[in-house]
């Protein structure tokens, strides 16, 4: 697919997001400035994440609570939970995120409270840094969708995970080629 703008990149990401399921790990590759974060912003928009999405270059991982609707493609009936804080140890704070809390949040009966995980390994020294902040609690688990920028740095953590590769390449100043391989 060809994108001629940031908005088009986000639109492509939104269409792709409609195909994602809990446990999916999306591997974003591309040079600096290729549009990996813009693509992630489109994914986040699909899941109605209202926070400003920035690449977690220094924090390594951002966690956002979301709702994955039982019926793919329509989230208009779902209530999205506000962003989940993280504890000092890097593990999610508050046990209530993993309980069946659909009635408390006004969700449709079969919707799933889940997490959208955005990881950036650009400045990562080794995989242990991610392990230390709890990444293994999220990678490939049924209630998460993980997005990883610069995934080659943690290839050993991705073995036996359901991964989807998204390659974004510069064609020129405004154009990008986006290839998705499931």
N, C-alpha and C. Protein backbone atom coordinates (compact mmCIF):
# COMPACT_ATOMS: atom_id res chain seq x y z
N UNK A 1 0.84 -1.17 0.00
CA UNK A 1 0.00 0.00 0.00
C UNK A 1 0.89 1.24 0.00
N UNK A 2 0.39 2.27 -0.59
CA UNK A 2 1.13 3.53 -0.66
C UNK A 2 0.39 4.59 0.15
N UNK A 3 1.14 5.30 0.98
CA UNK A 3 0.60 6.41 1.74
C UNK A 3 1.25 7.69 1.26
N UNK A 4 0.42 8.72 1.07
CA UNK A 4 0.92 10.03 0.65
C UNK A 4 0.89 11.06 1.77
N UNK A 5 0.49 10.63 2.97
CA UNK A 5 0.38 11.59 4.07
C UNK A 5 0.33 10.84 5.40
N UNK A 6 0.53 11.58 6.46
CA UNK A 6 0.41 10.99 7.80
C UNK A 6 -1.02 10.48 8.01
N UNK A 7 -2.01 11.26 7.56
CA UNK A 7 -3.40 10.83 7.73
C UNK A 7 -3.67 9.54 6.98
N UNK A 8 -3.15 9.40 5.77
CA UNK A 8 -3.34 8.17 5.00
C UNK A 8 -2.68 6.99 5.72
N UNK A 9 -1.49 7.20 6.31
CA UNK A 9 -0.82 6.15 7.08
C UNK A 9 -1.70 5.72 8.24
N UNK A 10 -2.30 6.70 8.93
CA UNK A 10 -3.18 6.40 10.06
C UNK A 10 -4.43 5.66 9.59
N UNK A 11 -4.96 6.03 8.43
CA UNK A 11 -6.14 5.36 7.89
C UNK A 11 -5.84 3.91 7.53
N UNK A 12 -4.68 3.65 6.95
CA UNK A 12 -4.27 2.28 6.64
C UNK A 12 -4.16 1.48 7.94
N UNK A 13 -3.59 2.10 8.97
CA UNK A 13 -3.44 1.44 10.27
C UNK A 13 -4.80 1.11 10.88
N UNK A 14 -5.76 2.01 10.75
CA UNK A 14 -7.09 1.76 11.31
C UNK A 14 -7.74 0.55 10.64
N UNK A 15 -7.62 0.45 9.33
CA UNK A 15 -8.19 -0.71 8.62
C UNK A 15 -7.50 -1.99 9.08
N UNK A 16 -6.20 -1.93 9.24
CA UNK A 16 -5.43 -3.08 9.72
C UNK A 16 -5.85 -3.43 11.15
N UNK A 17 -6.08 -2.43 11.99
CA UNK A 17 -6.46 -2.66 13.40
C UNK A 17 -7.73 -3.49 13.51
N UNK A 18 -8.63 -3.33 12.55
CA UNK A 18 -9.89 -4.08 12.58
C UNK A 18 -9.66 -5.58 12.46
N UNK A 19 -8.49 -5.99 12.01
CA UNK A 19 -8.19 -7.42 11.86
C UNK A 19 -7.46 -8.00 13.06
N UNK A 20 -7.02 -7.14 13.98
CA UNK A 20 -6.21 -7.61 15.11
C UNK A 20 -7.07 -8.32 16.15
N UNK A 21 -6.42 -9.26 16.81
CA UNK A 21 -7.06 -10.01 17.89
C UNK A 21 -6.14 -10.03 19.09
N UNK A 22 -6.70 -10.30 20.24
CA UNK A 22 -5.89 -10.41 21.44
C UNK A 22 -4.77 -11.42 21.23
N UNK A 23 -3.58 -11.08 21.69
CA UNK A 23 -2.41 -11.94 21.53
C UNK A 23 -1.55 -11.58 20.34
N UNK A 24 -2.05 -10.74 19.44
CA UNK A 24 -1.26 -10.35 18.27
C UNK A 24 -0.09 -9.46 18.69
N UNK A 25 1.04 -9.67 18.04
CA UNK A 25 2.23 -8.86 18.25
C UNK A 25 2.61 -8.27 16.90
N UNK A 26 2.47 -6.95 16.77
CA UNK A 26 2.74 -6.26 15.51
C UNK A 26 4.17 -5.74 15.55
N UNK A 27 4.96 -6.15 14.56
CA UNK A 27 6.37 -5.78 14.48
C UNK A 27 6.54 -4.69 13.44
N UNK A 28 6.82 -3.48 13.88
CA UNK A 28 6.98 -2.34 12.97
C UNK A 28 8.44 -2.11 12.64
N UNK A 29 8.76 -2.15 11.37
CA UNK A 29 10.14 -1.86 10.96
C UNK A 29 10.14 -0.73 9.94
N UNK A 30 11.24 0.00 9.93
CA UNK A 30 11.41 1.13 9.02
C UNK A 30 12.46 2.06 9.59
N UNK A 31 13.04 2.86 8.72
CA UNK A 31 14.06 3.81 9.15
C UNK A 31 13.47 4.86 10.09
N UNK A 32 14.34 5.61 10.74
CA UNK A 32 13.88 6.75 11.53
C UNK A 32 13.05 7.67 10.64
N UNK A 33 11.89 8.08 11.13
CA UNK A 33 11.04 8.98 10.37
C UNK A 33 10.21 8.31 9.29
N UNK A 34 10.21 7.00 9.22
CA UNK A 34 9.45 6.30 8.18
C UNK A 34 7.94 6.39 8.41
N UNK A 35 7.52 6.47 9.67
CA UNK A 35 6.10 6.55 9.96
C UNK A 35 5.60 5.49 10.93
N UNK A 36 6.51 4.87 11.67
CA UNK A 36 6.12 3.82 12.62
C UNK A 36 5.20 4.37 13.70
N UNK A 37 5.53 5.53 14.23
CA UNK A 37 4.70 6.10 15.28
C UNK A 37 3.38 6.61 14.71
N UNK A 38 3.39 7.16 13.51
CA UNK A 38 2.13 7.57 12.87
C UNK A 38 1.22 6.37 12.66
N UNK A 39 1.79 5.24 12.26
CA UNK A 39 1.02 4.01 12.09
C UNK A 39 0.43 3.59 13.44
N UNK A 40 1.24 3.65 14.49
CA UNK A 40 0.78 3.29 15.82
C UNK A 40 -0.35 4.22 16.27
N UNK A 41 -0.25 5.50 15.93
CA UNK A 41 -1.32 6.45 16.28
C UNK A 41 -2.63 6.06 15.61
N UNK A 42 -2.56 5.56 14.37
CA UNK A 42 -3.77 5.09 13.69
C UNK A 42 -4.36 3.89 14.39
N UNK A 43 -3.51 2.96 14.82
CA UNK A 43 -3.99 1.80 15.58
C UNK A 43 -4.68 2.26 16.86
N UNK A 44 -4.04 3.20 17.55
CA UNK A 44 -4.59 3.71 18.81
C UNK A 44 -5.93 4.41 18.58
N UNK A 45 -6.04 5.15 17.49
CA UNK A 45 -7.31 5.81 17.18
C UNK A 45 -8.42 4.78 16.99
N UNK A 46 -8.12 3.69 16.31
CA UNK A 46 -9.12 2.64 16.11
C UNK A 46 -9.65 2.14 17.45
N UNK A 47 -8.76 1.98 18.42
CA UNK A 47 -9.17 1.49 19.74
C UNK A 47 -9.59 2.61 20.68
N UNK A 48 -9.81 3.81 20.14
CA UNK A 48 -10.31 4.97 20.89
C UNK A 48 -9.42 5.38 22.05
N UNK A 49 -8.13 5.21 21.89
CA UNK A 49 -7.20 5.70 22.91
C UNK A 49 -7.11 7.21 22.73
N UNK A 50 -7.44 7.93 23.77
CA UNK A 50 -7.49 9.38 23.68
C UNK A 50 -6.16 10.06 24.04
N UNK A 51 -5.28 9.34 24.72
CA UNK A 51 -4.00 9.93 25.09
C UNK A 51 -3.17 10.19 23.84
N UNK A 52 -2.28 11.19 23.93
CA UNK A 52 -1.36 11.47 22.84
C UNK A 52 -0.35 10.32 22.76
N UNK A 53 -0.29 9.67 21.64
CA UNK A 53 0.62 8.54 21.45
C UNK A 53 1.98 9.08 21.00
N UNK A 54 2.98 8.81 21.80
CA UNK A 54 4.35 9.15 21.44
C UNK A 54 5.17 7.88 21.55
N UNK A 55 6.24 7.83 20.81
CA UNK A 55 7.08 6.65 20.86
C UNK A 55 7.74 6.55 22.23
N UNK A 56 7.65 5.39 22.88
CA UNK A 56 8.25 5.23 24.21
C UNK A 56 9.76 4.97 24.15
N UNK A 57 10.47 5.84 23.47
CA UNK A 57 11.90 5.66 23.25
C UNK A 57 12.67 5.55 24.56
N UNK A 58 12.30 6.34 25.56
CA UNK A 58 13.04 6.33 26.82
C UNK A 58 12.37 5.46 27.88
N UNK A 59 11.04 5.41 27.88
CA UNK A 59 10.34 4.56 28.86
C UNK A 59 10.30 3.11 28.40
N UNK A 60 10.57 2.85 27.15
CA UNK A 60 10.58 1.54 26.49
C UNK A 60 9.19 0.97 26.23
N UNK A 61 8.24 1.17 27.15
CA UNK A 61 6.93 0.54 26.98
C UNK A 61 5.84 1.42 27.59
N UNK A 62 4.78 1.64 26.82
CA UNK A 62 3.59 2.32 27.32
C UNK A 62 2.43 1.34 27.27
N UNK A 63 1.58 1.38 28.29
CA UNK A 63 0.44 0.48 28.41
C UNK A 63 -0.83 1.33 28.44
N UNK A 64 -1.78 0.97 27.54
CA UNK A 64 -3.06 1.68 27.46
C UNK A 64 -4.20 0.67 27.58
N UNK A 65 -5.10 0.85 28.52
CA UNK A 65 -6.28 -0.03 28.56
C UNK A 65 -7.19 0.27 27.36
N UNK A 66 -7.75 -0.76 26.77
CA UNK A 66 -8.65 -0.62 25.63
C UNK A 66 -9.76 -1.64 25.79
N UNK A 67 -10.71 -1.57 24.88
CA UNK A 67 -11.75 -2.58 24.78
C UNK A 67 -11.64 -3.20 23.40
N UNK A 68 -11.57 -4.52 23.36
CA UNK A 68 -11.62 -5.24 22.09
C UNK A 68 -13.04 -5.74 21.95
N UNK A 69 -13.82 -5.21 21.00
CA UNK A 69 -15.21 -5.64 20.88
C UNK A 69 -15.30 -7.09 20.41
N UNK A 70 -16.34 -7.76 20.82
CA UNK A 70 -16.57 -9.12 20.38
C UNK A 70 -16.82 -9.16 18.88
N UNK A 71 -17.55 -8.19 18.37
CA UNK A 71 -17.79 -8.08 16.93
C UNK A 71 -16.70 -7.19 16.34
N UNK A 72 -15.90 -7.71 15.44
CA UNK A 72 -14.77 -6.97 14.87
C UNK A 72 -15.26 -5.75 14.10
N UNK A 73 -14.50 -4.69 14.19
CA UNK A 73 -14.69 -3.55 13.33
C UNK A 73 -15.57 -2.43 13.84
N UNK A 74 -16.35 -2.65 14.91
CA UNK A 74 -17.22 -1.59 15.40
C UNK A 74 -17.00 -1.42 16.89
N UNK A 75 -16.37 -0.33 17.27
CA UNK A 75 -16.15 -0.10 18.69
C UNK A 75 -17.04 1.01 19.22
N UNK A 76 -17.98 1.47 18.40
CA UNK A 76 -18.78 2.61 18.82
C UNK A 76 -19.65 2.32 20.03
N UNK A 77 -19.98 1.04 20.27
CA UNK A 77 -20.82 0.71 21.41
C UNK A 77 -20.03 0.49 22.69
N UNK A 78 -18.72 0.57 22.62
CA UNK A 78 -17.88 0.24 23.77
C UNK A 78 -17.41 1.48 24.51
N UNK A 79 -17.21 1.31 25.78
CA UNK A 79 -16.64 2.36 26.60
C UNK A 79 -15.15 2.08 26.75
N UNK A 80 -14.33 3.06 26.50
CA UNK A 80 -12.89 2.88 26.64
C UNK A 80 -12.47 3.36 28.00
N UNK A 81 -11.66 2.57 28.65
CA UNK A 81 -11.21 2.85 30.01
C UNK A 81 -10.05 3.84 29.95
N UNK A 82 -9.94 4.77 30.90
CA UNK A 82 -8.82 5.70 30.89
C UNK A 82 -7.47 4.99 31.02
N UNK A 83 -6.42 5.68 30.63
CA UNK A 83 -5.08 5.08 30.61
C UNK A 83 -4.69 4.49 31.96
N UNK A 84 -4.04 3.34 31.89
CA UNK A 84 -3.62 2.62 33.10
C UNK A 84 -2.28 3.14 33.59
N UNK A 85 -2.19 3.54 34.85
CA UNK A 85 -0.90 3.96 35.38
C UNK A 85 0.01 2.76 35.57
N UNK A 86 1.30 3.01 35.61
CA UNK A 86 2.27 1.95 35.85
C UNK A 86 2.93 2.20 37.19
N UNK A 87 3.20 1.13 37.92
CA UNK A 87 3.85 1.24 39.21
C UNK A 87 5.32 1.51 39.05
N UNK A 88 6.00 1.85 40.15
CA UNK A 88 7.42 2.14 40.11
C UNK A 88 8.25 0.97 39.65
N UNK A 89 7.78 -0.25 39.92
CA UNK A 89 8.55 -1.43 39.55
C UNK A 89 8.39 -1.74 38.08
N UNK A 90 7.52 -1.02 37.37
CA UNK A 90 7.30 -1.29 35.96
C UNK A 90 6.19 -2.28 35.71
N UNK A 91 5.58 -2.82 36.75
CA UNK A 91 4.46 -3.74 36.55
C UNK A 91 3.17 -2.96 36.61
N UNK A 92 2.11 -3.45 35.97
CA UNK A 92 0.85 -2.70 35.99
C UNK A 92 0.37 -2.52 37.42
N UNK A 93 -0.14 -1.37 37.72
CA UNK A 93 -0.65 -1.14 39.07
C UNK A 93 -2.15 -1.37 39.07
N UNK A 94 -2.63 -1.94 40.16
CA UNK A 94 -4.07 -2.19 40.29
C UNK A 94 -4.47 -3.52 39.69
N UNK A 95 -5.05 -4.37 40.52
CA UNK A 95 -5.48 -5.69 40.06
C UNK A 95 -6.78 -5.65 39.29
N UNK A 96 -7.55 -4.55 39.38
CA UNK A 96 -8.87 -4.52 38.79
C UNK A 96 -8.86 -4.56 37.27
N UNK A 97 -7.75 -4.36 36.62
CA UNK A 97 -7.70 -4.36 35.15
C UNK A 97 -7.88 -5.76 34.59
N UNK A 98 -7.55 -6.80 35.32
CA UNK A 98 -7.63 -8.15 34.81
C UNK A 98 -8.93 -8.85 35.18
N UNK A 99 -9.74 -8.25 36.00
CA UNK A 99 -11.02 -8.85 36.38
C UNK A 99 -12.04 -8.60 35.29
N UNK A 100 -13.08 -9.40 35.30
CA UNK A 100 -14.20 -9.16 34.39
C UNK A 100 -14.98 -7.98 34.95
N UNK A 101 -14.67 -6.81 34.45
CA UNK A 101 -15.29 -5.60 34.99
C UNK A 101 -16.21 -4.96 33.97
N UNK A 102 -16.75 -5.75 33.05
CA UNK A 102 -17.55 -5.19 31.97
C UNK A 102 -18.76 -4.41 32.49
N UNK A 103 -19.41 -4.89 33.54
CA UNK A 103 -20.59 -4.17 34.02
C UNK A 103 -20.18 -2.83 34.63
N UNK A 104 -19.02 -2.78 35.28
CA UNK A 104 -18.56 -1.54 35.91
C UNK A 104 -18.24 -0.47 34.88
N UNK A 105 -17.87 -0.87 33.67
CA UNK A 105 -17.49 0.09 32.64
C UNK A 105 -18.55 0.25 31.56
N UNK A 106 -19.70 -0.39 31.70
CA UNK A 106 -20.78 -0.22 30.74
C UNK A 106 -20.47 -0.87 29.39
N UNK A 107 -19.73 -1.96 29.37
CA UNK A 107 -19.36 -2.61 28.12
C UNK A 107 -20.45 -3.56 27.66
N UNK A 108 -20.47 -3.83 26.37
CA UNK A 108 -21.35 -4.86 25.86
C UNK A 108 -20.93 -6.20 26.47
N UNK A 109 -21.83 -7.13 26.58
CA UNK A 109 -21.61 -8.37 27.32
C UNK A 109 -20.35 -9.12 26.91
N UNK A 110 -20.05 -9.21 25.63
CA UNK A 110 -18.93 -10.02 25.17
C UNK A 110 -17.66 -9.23 24.87
N UNK A 111 -17.66 -7.93 25.14
CA UNK A 111 -16.46 -7.14 24.93
C UNK A 111 -15.41 -7.54 25.96
N UNK A 112 -14.13 -7.36 25.61
CA UNK A 112 -13.04 -7.74 26.51
C UNK A 112 -12.25 -6.51 26.93
N UNK A 113 -12.06 -6.35 28.23
CA UNK A 113 -11.14 -5.34 28.71
C UNK A 113 -9.74 -5.86 28.39
N UNK A 114 -8.94 -5.05 27.75
CA UNK A 114 -7.65 -5.51 27.27
C UNK A 114 -6.63 -4.39 27.38
N UNK A 115 -5.44 -4.67 26.88
CA UNK A 115 -4.35 -3.69 26.93
C UNK A 115 -3.71 -3.54 25.55
N UNK A 116 -3.39 -2.32 25.22
CA UNK A 116 -2.66 -1.96 24.01
C UNK A 116 -1.26 -1.60 24.50
N UNK A 117 -0.26 -2.35 24.08
CA UNK A 117 1.11 -2.17 24.55
C UNK A 117 1.93 -1.61 23.40
N UNK A 118 2.59 -0.49 23.63
CA UNK A 118 3.45 0.14 22.62
C UNK A 118 4.89 0.09 23.14
N UNK A 119 5.74 -0.61 22.40
CA UNK A 119 7.13 -0.82 22.81
C UNK A 119 8.05 -0.23 21.74
N UNK A 120 9.10 0.44 22.19
CA UNK A 120 10.12 0.97 21.28
C UNK A 120 11.47 0.51 21.80
N UNK A 121 12.17 -0.29 21.01
CA UNK A 121 13.45 -0.83 21.46
C UNK A 121 14.65 -0.10 20.86
N UNK A 122 14.43 1.06 20.26
CA UNK A 122 15.51 1.78 19.60
C UNK A 122 16.71 2.01 20.52
N UNK A 123 16.50 2.41 21.75
CA UNK A 123 17.58 2.69 22.70
C UNK A 123 17.86 1.53 23.66
N UNK A 124 17.21 0.41 23.42
CA UNK A 124 17.36 -0.76 24.30
C UNK A 124 18.78 -1.32 24.23
N UNK A 125 19.36 -1.58 25.40
CA UNK A 125 20.70 -2.17 25.46
C UNK A 125 20.64 -3.68 25.30
N UNK A 126 19.63 -4.30 25.93
CA UNK A 126 19.45 -5.75 25.82
C UNK A 126 18.02 -6.09 26.20
N UNK A 127 17.60 -7.31 25.86
CA UNK A 127 16.22 -7.74 26.11
C UNK A 127 15.90 -7.76 27.60
N UNK A 128 16.90 -7.95 28.43
CA UNK A 128 16.66 -8.00 29.87
C UNK A 128 16.03 -6.71 30.39
N UNK A 129 16.35 -5.57 29.77
CA UNK A 129 15.75 -4.31 30.18
C UNK A 129 14.22 -4.37 30.08
N UNK A 130 13.72 -4.98 29.01
CA UNK A 130 12.27 -5.12 28.85
C UNK A 130 11.70 -6.16 29.81
N UNK A 131 12.43 -7.23 29.99
CA UNK A 131 11.99 -8.26 30.94
C UNK A 131 11.86 -7.65 32.32
N UNK A 132 12.81 -6.80 32.69
CA UNK A 132 12.81 -6.17 34.01
C UNK A 132 11.58 -5.28 34.25
N UNK A 133 11.00 -4.73 33.20
CA UNK A 133 9.81 -3.88 33.38
C UNK A 133 8.52 -4.63 33.07
N UNK A 134 8.59 -5.95 32.91
CA UNK A 134 7.39 -6.76 32.83
C UNK A 134 6.85 -7.08 31.45
N UNK A 135 7.66 -6.96 30.42
CA UNK A 135 7.16 -7.19 29.06
C UNK A 135 6.60 -8.60 28.87
N UNK A 136 7.13 -9.56 29.58
CA UNK A 136 6.65 -10.94 29.40
C UNK A 136 5.22 -11.13 29.91
N UNK A 137 4.74 -10.19 30.73
CA UNK A 137 3.35 -10.23 31.17
C UNK A 137 2.39 -9.90 30.03
N UNK A 138 2.90 -9.33 28.95
CA UNK A 138 2.06 -8.84 27.86
C UNK A 138 2.26 -9.55 26.52
N UNK A 139 3.49 -9.86 26.16
CA UNK A 139 3.78 -10.39 24.83
C UNK A 139 2.98 -11.65 24.53
N UNK A 140 2.08 -11.55 23.57
CA UNK A 140 1.33 -12.70 23.12
C UNK A 140 0.21 -13.16 24.03
N UNK A 141 -0.06 -12.44 25.11
CA UNK A 141 -1.15 -12.87 26.00
C UNK A 141 -2.49 -12.51 25.37
N UNK A 142 -3.52 -13.31 25.64
CA UNK A 142 -4.81 -13.15 24.95
C UNK A 142 -5.50 -11.81 25.16
N UNK A 143 -5.17 -11.09 26.22
CA UNK A 143 -5.84 -9.81 26.47
C UNK A 143 -4.99 -8.61 26.08
N UNK A 144 -4.01 -8.83 25.20
CA UNK A 144 -3.17 -7.70 24.77
C UNK A 144 -3.00 -7.66 23.26
N UNK A 145 -2.74 -6.46 22.78
CA UNK A 145 -2.27 -6.25 21.43
C UNK A 145 -0.97 -5.46 21.61
N UNK A 146 0.14 -6.04 21.16
CA UNK A 146 1.46 -5.41 21.32
C UNK A 146 1.94 -4.84 20.00
N UNK A 147 2.45 -3.63 20.06
CA UNK A 147 3.05 -2.97 18.91
C UNK A 147 4.51 -2.73 19.27
N UNK A 148 5.43 -3.22 18.43
CA UNK A 148 6.85 -3.11 18.75
C UNK A 148 7.59 -2.41 17.61
N UNK A 149 8.19 -1.26 17.92
CA UNK A 149 9.07 -0.58 16.98
C UNK A 149 10.49 -1.13 17.18
N UNK A 150 11.21 -1.35 16.10
CA UNK A 150 12.57 -1.89 16.12
C UNK A 150 12.59 -3.31 16.74
N UNK A 151 11.79 -4.24 16.24
CA UNK A 151 11.64 -5.55 16.87
C UNK A 151 12.86 -6.47 16.78
N UNK A 152 13.76 -6.24 15.86
CA UNK A 152 14.91 -7.14 15.71
C UNK A 152 15.75 -7.22 16.99
N UNK A 153 15.72 -6.17 17.78
CA UNK A 153 16.52 -6.14 19.00
C UNK A 153 16.03 -7.13 20.07
N UNK A 154 14.80 -7.61 19.92
CA UNK A 154 14.26 -8.53 20.93
C UNK A 154 13.73 -9.82 20.27
N UNK A 155 14.34 -10.22 19.20
CA UNK A 155 13.84 -11.38 18.46
C UNK A 155 13.71 -12.63 19.33
N UNK A 156 14.61 -12.78 20.31
CA UNK A 156 14.53 -13.97 21.18
C UNK A 156 13.27 -13.97 22.04
N UNK A 157 12.73 -12.80 22.35
CA UNK A 157 11.50 -12.73 23.14
C UNK A 157 10.25 -12.98 22.29
N UNK A 158 10.41 -12.94 20.98
CA UNK A 158 9.26 -13.05 20.08
C UNK A 158 9.06 -14.46 19.53
N UNK A 159 9.96 -15.37 19.88
CA UNK A 159 9.82 -16.74 19.42
C UNK A 159 8.51 -17.33 19.94
N UNK A 160 7.84 -18.06 19.09
CA UNK A 160 6.57 -18.72 19.42
C UNK A 160 5.43 -17.75 19.73
N UNK A 161 5.53 -16.52 19.25
CA UNK A 161 4.45 -15.54 19.41
C UNK A 161 3.77 -15.37 18.06
N UNK A 162 2.52 -14.96 18.08
CA UNK A 162 1.77 -14.69 16.85
C UNK A 162 2.13 -13.29 16.38
N UNK A 163 3.09 -13.20 15.45
CA UNK A 163 3.58 -11.90 15.02
C UNK A 163 3.06 -11.55 13.62
N UNK A 164 2.92 -10.26 13.41
CA UNK A 164 2.53 -9.71 12.12
C UNK A 164 3.54 -8.61 11.80
N UNK A 165 4.24 -8.76 10.69
CA UNK A 165 5.28 -7.80 10.31
C UNK A 165 4.68 -6.67 9.47
N UNK A 166 5.01 -5.45 9.85
CA UNK A 166 4.61 -4.27 9.09
C UNK A 166 5.89 -3.51 8.75
N UNK A 167 6.20 -3.42 7.46
CA UNK A 167 7.40 -2.71 7.01
C UNK A 167 6.97 -1.40 6.36
N UNK A 168 7.57 -0.31 6.82
CA UNK A 168 7.26 1.01 6.28
C UNK A 168 8.56 1.56 5.68
N UNK A 169 8.50 1.91 4.39
CA UNK A 169 9.69 2.41 3.69
C UNK A 169 9.42 3.76 3.06
N UNK A 170 10.44 4.62 3.11
CA UNK A 170 10.38 5.90 2.41
C UNK A 170 10.41 5.65 0.90
N UNK A 171 9.50 6.28 0.19
CA UNK A 171 9.60 6.31 -1.28
C UNK A 171 10.17 7.66 -1.67
N UNK A 172 9.62 8.70 -1.05
CA UNK A 172 10.17 10.05 -1.19
C UNK A 172 9.75 10.84 0.05
N UNK A 173 9.89 12.14 0.01
CA UNK A 173 9.64 12.97 1.18
C UNK A 173 8.26 12.73 1.80
N UNK A 174 7.23 12.54 0.97
CA UNK A 174 5.87 12.38 1.47
C UNK A 174 5.34 10.96 1.34
N UNK A 175 5.83 10.20 0.40
CA UNK A 175 5.28 8.87 0.14
C UNK A 175 5.96 7.78 0.94
N UNK A 176 5.13 6.84 1.39
CA UNK A 176 5.61 5.68 2.13
C UNK A 176 4.98 4.43 1.53
N UNK A 177 5.74 3.36 1.50
CA UNK A 177 5.23 2.05 1.14
C UNK A 177 5.00 1.29 2.44
N UNK A 178 3.81 0.73 2.60
CA UNK A 178 3.48 -0.01 3.81
C UNK A 178 3.12 -1.43 3.39
N UNK A 179 3.91 -2.39 3.88
CA UNK A 179 3.68 -3.81 3.57
C UNK A 179 3.36 -4.56 4.85
N UNK A 180 2.26 -5.31 4.82
CA UNK A 180 1.83 -6.08 5.99
C UNK A 180 1.89 -7.56 5.64
N UNK A 181 2.62 -8.31 6.45
CA UNK A 181 2.77 -9.75 6.22
C UNK A 181 2.30 -10.51 7.44
N UNK A 182 1.20 -11.22 7.30
CA UNK A 182 0.68 -12.01 8.43
C UNK A 182 1.29 -13.38 8.42
